[in-house]
Amino acid sequence: MVDRVKATDATLELIELLKSKHGPVMFHQSGGCCDGSSPMCYPEGDLMVGDQDVYLGEIGGAPFYIHRNQFEYWKHTQLIIDVVDGRGGMFSLEGVEGKRFLTRSRAFTDEENEELQK
């Protein structure tokens, strides 16, 4: 099974820390407005997802969504959520920890694209 989104070990550790402080969390891949293209982390339910949001999967037990328009640009890539030092989006939970989530990506292979079409 091909994952559309996955997380580094550092990301999984930070998710666990955030869950211990805030309870269940969720992610939404930003479309580039105020916070660039950073994945945003919220307490689960604080961001209303709708018909225009695509569920990509889970990282660290947290659901991960992306807006349909953004998905069209990135549907041929696997999103790899990483963590770096520094302040990111002011609305994302990890900011107070002196860390920020960062999206890296890689193109799916032809075989992976075929698997995703099934």
N, C-alpha and C. Protein backbone atom coordinates (compact mmCIF):
# COMPACT_ATOMS: atom_id res chain seq x y z
N MET A 1 0.84 -1.19 0.00
CA MET A 1 0.00 0.00 0.00
C MET A 1 0.88 1.25 0.00
N VAL A 2 0.56 2.18 -0.84
CA VAL A 2 1.31 3.42 -0.98
C VAL A 2 0.67 4.49 -0.11
N ASP A 3 1.48 5.14 0.72
CA ASP A 3 0.99 6.23 1.55
C ASP A 3 1.14 7.55 0.80
N ARG A 4 0.09 8.35 0.78
CA ARG A 4 0.19 9.68 0.18
C ARG A 4 0.91 10.65 1.10
N VAL A 5 0.88 10.37 2.41
CA VAL A 5 1.54 11.22 3.39
C VAL A 5 2.22 10.33 4.42
N LYS A 6 3.43 10.71 4.80
CA LYS A 6 4.15 10.00 5.86
C LYS A 6 4.94 11.00 6.68
N ALA A 7 5.46 10.55 7.79
CA ALA A 7 6.13 11.45 8.73
C ALA A 7 7.50 10.89 9.11
N THR A 8 8.42 11.81 9.36
CA THR A 8 9.73 11.41 9.87
C THR A 8 9.59 11.05 11.35
N ASP A 9 10.62 10.41 11.89
CA ASP A 9 10.61 10.07 13.32
C ASP A 9 10.50 11.33 14.18
N ALA A 10 11.20 12.40 13.78
CA ALA A 10 11.14 13.65 14.54
C ALA A 10 9.72 14.21 14.55
N THR A 11 9.03 14.08 13.43
CA THR A 11 7.65 14.55 13.35
C THR A 11 6.76 13.74 14.28
N LEU A 12 6.93 12.43 14.26
CA LEU A 12 6.12 11.57 15.12
C LEU A 12 6.33 11.90 16.60
N GLU A 13 7.57 12.20 16.97
CA GLU A 13 7.86 12.58 18.36
C GLU A 13 7.15 13.89 18.72
N LEU A 14 7.20 14.87 17.82
CA LEU A 14 6.56 16.15 18.09
C LEU A 14 5.04 15.99 18.14
N ILE A 15 4.48 15.17 17.28
CA ILE A 15 3.03 14.92 17.34
C ILE A 15 2.65 14.36 18.70
N GLU A 16 3.43 13.42 19.21
CA GLU A 16 3.12 12.84 20.53
C GLU A 16 3.17 13.91 21.62
N LEU A 17 4.16 14.78 21.55
CA LEU A 17 4.25 15.88 22.52
C LEU A 17 3.02 16.78 22.42
N LEU A 18 2.64 17.14 21.21
CA LEU A 18 1.48 18.02 21.03
C LEU A 18 0.20 17.34 21.51
N LYS A 19 0.06 16.05 21.26
CA LYS A 19 -1.13 15.33 21.73
C LYS A 19 -1.17 15.27 23.25
N SER A 20 -0.01 15.15 23.89
CA SER A 20 0.01 15.12 25.36
C SER A 20 -0.42 16.46 25.96
N LYS A 21 -0.20 17.53 25.22
CA LYS A 21 -0.56 18.87 25.70
C LYS A 21 -1.95 19.31 25.27
N HIS A 22 -2.37 18.89 24.07
CA HIS A 22 -3.59 19.44 23.47
C HIS A 22 -4.67 18.41 23.17
N GLY A 23 -4.39 17.13 23.41
CA GLY A 23 -5.34 16.10 23.03
C GLY A 23 -5.16 15.76 21.55
N PRO A 24 -6.14 15.09 20.96
CA PRO A 24 -6.02 14.69 19.56
C PRO A 24 -5.79 15.90 18.64
N VAL A 25 -4.98 15.70 17.63
CA VAL A 25 -4.66 16.78 16.69
C VAL A 25 -4.99 16.34 15.27
N MET A 26 -4.99 17.32 14.37
CA MET A 26 -5.23 17.07 12.95
C MET A 26 -4.32 17.99 12.14
N PHE A 27 -4.13 17.65 10.88
CA PHE A 27 -3.29 18.46 10.00
C PHE A 27 -4.07 18.88 8.76
N HIS A 28 -3.69 20.06 8.25
CA HIS A 28 -4.20 20.52 6.96
C HIS A 28 -3.03 21.15 6.22
N GLN A 29 -2.79 20.69 5.01
CA GLN A 29 -1.71 21.24 4.21
C GLN A 29 -2.13 22.60 3.70
N SER A 30 -1.39 23.63 4.09
CA SER A 30 -1.72 24.99 3.71
C SER A 30 -1.58 25.17 2.20
N GLY A 31 -2.37 26.07 1.67
CA GLY A 31 -2.33 26.34 0.24
C GLY A 31 -1.43 27.48 -0.15
N GLY A 32 -0.72 28.08 0.78
CA GLY A 32 0.26 29.08 0.41
C GLY A 32 -0.08 30.51 0.76
N CYS A 33 -1.16 30.78 1.42
CA CYS A 33 -1.52 32.16 1.75
C CYS A 33 -0.60 32.69 2.84
N CYS A 34 -1.11 32.84 4.02
CA CYS A 34 -0.37 33.48 5.11
C CYS A 34 0.82 32.66 5.61
N ASP A 35 0.72 31.36 5.55
CA ASP A 35 1.75 30.51 6.12
C ASP A 35 2.52 29.72 5.08
N GLY A 36 2.59 30.23 3.87
CA GLY A 36 3.33 29.54 2.83
C GLY A 36 2.70 28.20 2.53
N SER A 37 3.52 27.19 2.42
CA SER A 37 2.99 25.85 2.14
C SER A 37 3.26 24.92 3.31
N SER A 38 3.20 25.45 4.50
CA SER A 38 3.45 24.66 5.71
C SER A 38 2.24 23.80 6.05
N PRO A 39 2.48 22.59 6.53
CA PRO A 39 1.36 21.83 7.07
C PRO A 39 0.98 22.43 8.42
N MET A 40 -0.29 22.65 8.61
CA MET A 40 -0.77 23.28 9.84
C MET A 40 -1.36 22.22 10.75
N CYS A 41 -1.01 22.30 12.03
CA CYS A 41 -1.47 21.36 13.04
C CYS A 41 -2.44 22.08 13.98
N TYR A 42 -3.62 21.48 14.17
CA TYR A 42 -4.66 22.07 15.00
C TYR A 42 -5.19 21.03 15.98
N PRO A 43 -5.79 21.47 17.08
CA PRO A 43 -6.53 20.51 17.89
C PRO A 43 -7.62 19.91 16.99
N GLU A 44 -7.80 18.61 17.09
CA GLU A 44 -8.77 17.95 16.21
C GLU A 44 -10.14 18.61 16.37
N GLY A 45 -10.74 18.96 15.25
CA GLY A 45 -12.05 19.60 15.24
C GLY A 45 -12.01 21.11 15.20
N ASP A 46 -10.85 21.73 15.44
CA ASP A 46 -10.77 23.19 15.42
C ASP A 46 -10.85 23.75 14.00
N LEU A 47 -10.47 22.98 13.02
CA LEU A 47 -10.58 23.40 11.62
C LEU A 47 -11.67 22.55 10.99
N MET A 48 -12.66 23.19 10.45
CA MET A 48 -13.74 22.46 9.81
C MET A 48 -13.31 22.05 8.41
N VAL A 49 -13.34 20.75 8.15
CA VAL A 49 -13.04 20.26 6.81
C VAL A 49 -14.36 20.06 6.08
N GLY A 50 -14.31 20.20 4.76
CA GLY A 50 -15.53 20.09 3.98
C GLY A 50 -15.32 19.35 2.68
N ASP A 51 -16.25 19.54 1.77
CA ASP A 51 -16.25 18.85 0.49
C ASP A 51 -15.01 19.16 -0.34
N GLN A 52 -14.38 20.29 -0.11
CA GLN A 52 -13.22 20.68 -0.90
C GLN A 52 -11.91 20.17 -0.32
N ASP A 53 -11.98 19.44 0.78
CA ASP A 53 -10.78 18.91 1.41
C ASP A 53 -10.64 17.42 1.12
N VAL A 54 -9.41 16.99 0.83
CA VAL A 54 -9.11 15.61 0.51
C VAL A 54 -8.36 15.00 1.69
N TYR A 55 -8.83 13.87 2.16
CA TYR A 55 -8.16 13.14 3.23
C TYR A 55 -7.03 12.34 2.61
N LEU A 56 -5.78 12.59 3.07
CA LEU A 56 -4.62 11.88 2.53
C LEU A 56 -4.23 10.67 3.34
N GLY A 57 -4.58 10.64 4.60
CA GLY A 57 -4.19 9.55 5.48
C GLY A 57 -3.93 10.08 6.88
N GLU A 58 -3.16 9.33 7.65
CA GLU A 58 -2.82 9.73 9.01
C GLU A 58 -1.32 9.70 9.21
N ILE A 59 -0.86 10.60 10.07
CA ILE A 59 0.52 10.57 10.55
C ILE A 59 0.46 10.64 12.07
N GLY A 60 1.09 9.71 12.72
CA GLY A 60 1.06 9.69 14.18
C GLY A 60 -0.34 9.61 14.75
N GLY A 61 -1.25 8.98 14.02
CA GLY A 61 -2.63 8.87 14.48
C GLY A 61 -3.46 10.11 14.23
N ALA A 62 -2.89 11.11 13.56
CA ALA A 62 -3.60 12.37 13.29
C ALA A 62 -4.03 12.41 11.83
N PRO A 63 -5.30 12.72 11.57
CA PRO A 63 -5.75 12.82 10.18
C PRO A 63 -5.07 13.99 9.47
N PHE A 64 -4.83 13.80 8.17
CA PHE A 64 -4.12 14.80 7.37
C PHE A 64 -4.95 15.09 6.13
N TYR A 65 -5.27 16.38 5.93
CA TYR A 65 -6.11 16.84 4.82
C TYR A 65 -5.36 17.86 3.97
N ILE A 66 -5.83 17.99 2.75
CA ILE A 66 -5.31 19.01 1.84
C ILE A 66 -6.48 19.51 1.01
N HIS A 67 -6.49 20.79 0.67
CA HIS A 67 -7.56 21.33 -0.16
C HIS A 67 -7.50 20.69 -1.54
N ARG A 68 -8.65 20.44 -2.13
CA ARG A 68 -8.74 19.76 -3.42
C ARG A 68 -7.89 20.44 -4.50
N ASN A 69 -7.88 21.77 -4.55
CA ASN A 69 -7.06 22.47 -5.56
C ASN A 69 -5.57 22.20 -5.35
N GLN A 70 -5.15 22.21 -4.12
CA GLN A 70 -3.75 21.94 -3.79
C GLN A 70 -3.41 20.47 -4.12
N PHE A 71 -4.36 19.59 -3.84
CA PHE A 71 -4.16 18.17 -4.13
C PHE A 71 -3.89 17.95 -5.62
N GLU A 72 -4.58 18.69 -6.47
CA GLU A 72 -4.38 18.55 -7.91
C GLU A 72 -2.93 18.83 -8.31
N TYR A 73 -2.29 19.77 -7.64
CA TYR A 73 -0.88 20.08 -7.92
C TYR A 73 0.05 18.99 -7.39
N TRP A 74 -0.29 18.40 -6.26
CA TRP A 74 0.62 17.52 -5.54
C TRP A 74 0.23 16.04 -5.61
N LYS A 75 -0.79 15.68 -6.39
CA LYS A 75 -1.29 14.30 -6.36
C LYS A 75 -0.28 13.28 -6.87
N HIS A 76 0.73 13.71 -7.57
CA HIS A 76 1.75 12.80 -8.09
C HIS A 76 2.96 12.69 -7.16
N THR A 77 2.83 13.28 -5.98
CA THR A 77 3.95 13.25 -5.03
C THR A 77 3.50 12.72 -3.67
N GLN A 78 4.45 12.12 -2.99
CA GLN A 78 4.22 11.71 -1.61
C GLN A 78 4.68 12.85 -0.72
N LEU A 79 3.82 13.27 0.21
CA LEU A 79 4.18 14.32 1.15
C LEU A 79 4.89 13.67 2.33
N ILE A 80 6.05 14.19 2.66
CA ILE A 80 6.83 13.70 3.79
C ILE A 80 6.92 14.85 4.79
N ILE A 81 6.27 14.70 5.91
CA ILE A 81 6.20 15.78 6.90
C ILE A 81 7.39 15.64 7.84
N ASP A 82 8.15 16.71 7.92
CA ASP A 82 9.37 16.75 8.72
C ASP A 82 9.25 17.90 9.73
N VAL A 83 10.24 18.02 10.58
CA VAL A 83 10.29 19.07 11.59
C VAL A 83 11.64 19.75 11.50
N VAL A 84 11.64 21.08 11.59
CA VAL A 84 12.88 21.85 11.65
C VAL A 84 12.77 22.85 12.80
N ASP A 85 13.90 23.33 13.25
CA ASP A 85 13.90 24.36 14.29
C ASP A 85 13.41 25.68 13.70
N GLY A 86 12.74 26.45 14.52
CA GLY A 86 12.27 27.77 14.10
C GLY A 86 10.77 27.90 14.25
N ARG A 87 10.31 29.11 14.06
CA ARG A 87 8.88 29.41 14.18
C ARG A 87 8.23 29.31 12.80
N GLY A 88 7.09 28.66 12.77
CA GLY A 88 6.35 28.53 11.52
C GLY A 88 5.08 29.33 11.58
N GLY A 89 4.01 28.72 11.11
CA GLY A 89 2.72 29.39 11.07
C GLY A 89 2.21 29.73 12.46
N MET A 90 1.73 30.93 12.60
CA MET A 90 1.30 31.37 13.92
C MET A 90 0.06 30.65 14.40
N PHE A 91 -0.67 29.98 13.52
CA PHE A 91 -1.88 29.29 13.92
C PHE A 91 -1.64 27.81 14.19
N SER A 92 -0.45 27.33 13.93
CA SER A 92 -0.15 25.91 14.08
C SER A 92 0.39 25.64 15.49
N LEU A 93 -0.03 24.52 16.08
CA LEU A 93 0.28 24.22 17.48
C LEU A 93 1.76 24.13 17.82
N GLU A 94 2.60 23.72 16.88
CA GLU A 94 4.00 23.47 17.21
C GLU A 94 4.83 24.73 17.39
N GLY A 95 4.32 25.88 16.99
CA GLY A 95 5.08 27.12 17.04
C GLY A 95 5.67 27.45 18.40
N VAL A 96 4.91 27.21 19.46
CA VAL A 96 5.39 27.54 20.80
C VAL A 96 6.50 26.59 21.26
N GLU A 97 6.69 25.50 20.54
CA GLU A 97 7.74 24.54 20.89
C GLU A 97 9.08 24.90 20.25
N GLY A 98 9.11 26.00 19.47
CA GLY A 98 10.34 26.39 18.79
C GLY A 98 10.66 25.51 17.59
N LYS A 99 9.65 24.84 17.09
CA LYS A 99 9.76 23.94 15.94
C LYS A 99 8.70 24.32 14.92
N ARG A 100 8.89 23.83 13.70
CA ARG A 100 7.83 23.98 12.72
C ARG A 100 7.82 22.77 11.81
N PHE A 101 6.63 22.40 11.41
CA PHE A 101 6.48 21.31 10.46
C PHE A 101 6.84 21.82 9.07
N LEU A 102 7.39 20.94 8.28
CA LEU A 102 7.84 21.29 6.94
C LEU A 102 7.46 20.14 6.01
N THR A 103 6.91 20.47 4.86
CA THR A 103 6.55 19.45 3.89
C THR A 103 7.67 19.27 2.89
N ARG A 104 8.14 18.05 2.80
CA ARG A 104 9.07 17.66 1.75
C ARG A 104 8.26 16.73 0.84
N SER A 105 8.74 16.49 -0.35
CA SER A 105 7.98 15.61 -1.23
C SER A 105 8.92 14.86 -2.17
N ARG A 106 8.37 13.80 -2.73
CA ARG A 106 9.06 13.05 -3.76
C ARG A 106 8.01 12.55 -4.74
N ALA A 107 8.39 12.46 -5.99
CA ALA A 107 7.45 11.98 -7.01
C ALA A 107 7.23 10.48 -6.83
N PHE A 108 5.98 10.07 -7.00
CA PHE A 108 5.67 8.65 -6.99
C PHE A 108 6.28 7.98 -8.21
N THR A 109 6.67 6.74 -8.07
CA THR A 109 7.15 5.95 -9.20
C THR A 109 5.93 5.59 -10.07
N ASP A 110 6.18 5.11 -11.28
CA ASP A 110 5.08 4.67 -12.14
C ASP A 110 4.27 3.57 -11.46
N GLU A 111 4.96 2.65 -10.80
CA GLU A 111 4.28 1.56 -10.11
C GLU A 111 3.41 2.07 -8.97
N GLU A 112 3.92 3.06 -8.23
CA GLU A 112 3.13 3.62 -7.13
C GLU A 112 1.91 4.36 -7.67
N ASN A 113 2.07 5.10 -8.76
CA ASN A 113 0.93 5.78 -9.37
C ASN A 113 -0.13 4.79 -9.81
N GLU A 114 0.28 3.67 -10.38
CA GLU A 114 -0.67 2.62 -10.76
C GLU A 114 -1.42 2.10 -9.54
N GLU A 115 -0.70 1.88 -8.45
CA GLU A 115 -1.31 1.38 -7.21
C GLU A 115 -2.33 2.39 -6.68
N LEU A 116 -2.02 3.66 -6.78
CA LEU A 116 -2.93 4.69 -6.27
C LEU A 116 -4.20 4.80 -7.12
N GLN A 117 -4.14 4.39 -8.36
CA GLN A 117 -5.30 4.46 -9.26
C GLN A 117 -6.32 3.36 -8.98
N LYS A 118 -5.92 2.33 -8.24
CA LYS A 118 -6.82 1.20 -7.96
C LYS A 118 -7.86 1.55 -6.94
